Each structure stands twice: as C-alpha cells, then as structure tokens.
Amino acid sequence: MLRHRVDAGAAGLLVTHEARHAAWADRVVFLRDGVIVDSTGSPDSPESLLAGHGTRGRG
C-alpha cells in the first residue's frame, strides 16, 4: 500500500531494521548512534538535504 501511494506521488518514510523491508525503498539512509554513516539511492548526500533547513539541536 505504501509503495502504491509513493508511486502516485506521496512522500513516505519507513523506519526499519529489516533489510527485506528496506529493499523496497528508493533511498536508504544508514544511521549509527544518530549519525548518518552511509546512504543509497540518492544523487545528493543526506547532509545536503538538511542544508538550509532548521537543524535545531545540532552542533
């Protein structure tokens, strides 16, 4: 159902520890202790997605 909605243009976010569920994603961001350590499927770095947006509580 989520995949169908995203394909129709909706934004979706799935948080999981299951690789089989993450395999359905267009982009996967890997975190370790709250820090981005790797990502797949995005031409932009995950950090660039945060640039220019409020990052309260960071730094």
N, C-alpha and C. Protein backbone atom coordinates (compact mmCIF):
# COMPACT_ATOMS: atom_id res chain seq x y z
N MET A 1 0.83 -1.19 0.00
CA MET A 1 0.00 0.00 0.00
C MET A 1 0.88 1.26 0.00
N LEU A 2 1.92 1.26 0.86
CA LEU A 2 2.82 2.42 0.91
C LEU A 2 3.50 2.63 -0.44
N ARG A 3 4.00 1.55 -1.05
CA ARG A 3 4.68 1.66 -2.35
C ARG A 3 3.73 2.26 -3.39
N HIS A 4 2.48 1.83 -3.40
CA HIS A 4 1.49 2.34 -4.35
C HIS A 4 1.30 3.85 -4.17
N ARG A 5 1.20 4.30 -2.93
CA ARG A 5 1.00 5.73 -2.65
C ARG A 5 2.22 6.55 -3.07
N VAL A 6 3.40 6.04 -2.80
CA VAL A 6 4.63 6.76 -3.17
C VAL A 6 4.75 6.83 -4.69
N ASP A 7 4.44 5.74 -5.37
CA ASP A 7 4.47 5.75 -6.83
C ASP A 7 3.47 6.74 -7.41
N ALA A 8 2.41 7.04 -6.66
CA ALA A 8 1.40 8.00 -7.09
C ALA A 8 1.79 9.44 -6.74
N GLY A 9 2.94 9.62 -6.05
CA GLY A 9 3.43 10.97 -5.79
C GLY A 9 3.50 11.37 -4.33
N ALA A 10 3.03 10.54 -3.43
CA ALA A 10 3.09 10.87 -2.00
C ALA A 10 4.50 10.63 -1.46
N ALA A 11 4.85 11.35 -0.42
CA ALA A 11 6.12 11.10 0.28
C ALA A 11 5.88 10.03 1.33
N GLY A 12 6.85 9.18 1.52
CA GLY A 12 6.71 8.12 2.51
C GLY A 12 8.01 7.94 3.27
N LEU A 13 7.88 7.55 4.50
CA LEU A 13 9.05 7.30 5.35
C LEU A 13 8.81 6.00 6.10
N LEU A 14 9.76 5.09 5.99
CA LEU A 14 9.69 3.82 6.69
C LEU A 14 10.97 3.67 7.50
N VAL A 15 10.83 3.45 8.78
CA VAL A 15 11.98 3.23 9.65
C VAL A 15 11.97 1.75 10.03
N THR A 16 13.07 1.06 9.73
CA THR A 16 13.11 -0.38 9.97
C THR A 16 14.53 -0.86 10.21
N HIS A 17 14.63 -1.99 10.84
CA HIS A 17 15.90 -2.70 10.99
C HIS A 17 15.94 -3.90 10.05
N GLU A 18 14.86 -4.11 9.30
CA GLU A 18 14.73 -5.27 8.42
C GLU A 18 15.19 -4.95 7.00
N ALA A 19 16.25 -5.61 6.55
CA ALA A 19 16.77 -5.38 5.20
C ALA A 19 15.73 -5.71 4.13
N ARG A 20 14.90 -6.71 4.38
CA ARG A 20 13.88 -7.07 3.37
C ARG A 20 12.86 -5.96 3.17
N HIS A 21 12.59 -5.17 4.19
CA HIS A 21 11.67 -4.04 4.04
C HIS A 21 12.39 -2.85 3.42
N ALA A 22 13.63 -2.62 3.80
CA ALA A 22 14.41 -1.52 3.25
C ALA A 22 14.64 -1.70 1.75
N ALA A 23 14.64 -2.94 1.28
CA ALA A 23 14.86 -3.23 -0.14
C ALA A 23 13.80 -2.61 -1.04
N TRP A 24 12.64 -2.30 -0.48
CA TRP A 24 11.57 -1.68 -1.26
C TRP A 24 11.78 -0.19 -1.46
N ALA A 25 12.68 0.41 -0.72
CA ALA A 25 12.85 1.86 -0.71
C ALA A 25 13.62 2.37 -1.92
N ASP A 26 13.33 3.61 -2.30
CA ASP A 26 14.08 4.29 -3.35
C ASP A 26 15.40 4.83 -2.79
N ARG A 27 15.41 5.14 -1.52
CA ARG A 27 16.58 5.68 -0.84
C ARG A 27 16.66 5.05 0.54
N VAL A 28 17.86 4.66 0.94
CA VAL A 28 18.09 4.11 2.27
C VAL A 28 19.19 4.91 2.93
N VAL A 29 18.95 5.35 4.15
CA VAL A 29 19.93 6.11 4.92
C VAL A 29 20.27 5.26 6.15
N PHE A 30 21.56 5.04 6.35
CA PHE A 30 22.02 4.22 7.46
C PHE A 30 22.52 5.14 8.59
N LEU A 31 22.03 4.90 9.79
CA LEU A 31 22.43 5.67 10.96
C LEU A 31 23.17 4.78 11.95
N ARG A 32 24.13 5.37 12.62
CA ARG A 32 24.80 4.70 13.74
C ARG A 32 24.93 5.74 14.85
N ASP A 33 24.34 5.47 15.98
CA ASP A 33 24.37 6.40 17.11
C ASP A 33 23.89 7.79 16.71
N GLY A 34 22.86 7.84 15.85
CA GLY A 34 22.26 9.10 15.44
C GLY A 34 23.02 9.87 14.39
N VAL A 35 24.05 9.26 13.80
CA VAL A 35 24.87 9.92 12.78
C VAL A 35 24.73 9.15 11.47
N ILE A 36 24.54 9.87 10.36
CA ILE A 36 24.46 9.24 9.06
C ILE A 36 25.83 8.67 8.71
N VAL A 37 25.88 7.36 8.44
CA VAL A 37 27.15 6.72 8.12
C VAL A 37 27.20 6.24 6.67
N ASP A 38 26.05 6.14 5.99
CA ASP A 38 26.04 5.70 4.60
C ASP A 38 24.64 5.93 4.05
N SER A 39 24.53 5.92 2.72
CA SER A 39 23.22 6.04 2.10
C SER A 39 23.26 5.40 0.72
N THR A 40 22.10 5.07 0.19
CA THR A 40 21.99 4.52 -1.15
C THR A 40 20.85 5.22 -1.87
N GLY A 41 20.90 5.24 -3.19
CA GLY A 41 19.77 5.67 -4.00
C GLY A 41 19.54 7.15 -4.15
N SER A 42 20.43 8.00 -3.68
CA SER A 42 20.22 9.44 -3.80
C SER A 42 21.44 10.09 -4.42
N PRO A 43 21.24 10.92 -5.43
CA PRO A 43 22.39 11.63 -6.01
C PRO A 43 22.95 12.68 -5.05
N ASP A 44 22.14 13.15 -4.12
CA ASP A 44 22.57 14.13 -3.13
C ASP A 44 22.95 13.42 -1.85
N SER A 45 23.88 13.99 -1.11
CA SER A 45 24.21 13.41 0.19
C SER A 45 23.08 13.71 1.16
N PRO A 46 22.86 12.83 2.13
CA PRO A 46 21.80 13.09 3.12
C PRO A 46 22.02 14.42 3.84
N GLU A 47 23.28 14.79 4.07
CA GLU A 47 23.55 16.05 4.76
C GLU A 47 23.08 17.24 3.92
N SER A 48 23.18 17.14 2.60
CA SER A 48 22.75 18.24 1.75
C SER A 48 21.24 18.44 1.81
N LEU A 49 20.51 17.39 2.14
CA LEU A 49 19.06 17.51 2.28
C LEU A 49 18.71 18.38 3.49
N LEU A 50 19.60 18.45 4.47
CA LEU A 50 19.37 19.25 5.67
C LEU A 50 19.85 20.68 5.51
N ALA A 51 20.71 20.94 4.54
CA ALA A 51 21.29 22.27 4.35
C ALA A 51 20.18 23.29 4.11
N GLY A 52 20.26 24.39 4.84
CA GLY A 52 19.28 25.45 4.68
C GLY A 52 18.00 25.24 5.45
N HIS A 53 17.87 24.12 6.11
CA HIS A 53 16.67 23.86 6.90
C HIS A 53 17.03 23.98 8.37
N GLY A 54 16.06 24.27 9.18
CA GLY A 54 16.31 24.36 10.61
C GLY A 54 16.88 23.07 11.15
N THR A 55 17.99 23.16 11.82
CA THR A 55 18.63 21.98 12.41
C THR A 55 18.80 22.19 13.89
N ARG A 56 17.71 22.61 14.55
CA ARG A 56 17.76 22.83 15.99
C ARG A 56 18.26 21.60 16.70
N GLY A 57 19.08 21.85 17.69
CA GLY A 57 19.59 20.74 18.47
C GLY A 57 20.84 20.13 17.89
N ARG A 58 21.31 20.63 16.76
CA ARG A 58 22.54 20.10 16.15
C ARG A 58 23.66 21.09 16.34
N GLY A 59 24.84 20.55 16.63
CA GLY A 59 26.06 21.36 16.69
C GLY A 59 26.12 22.23 17.82
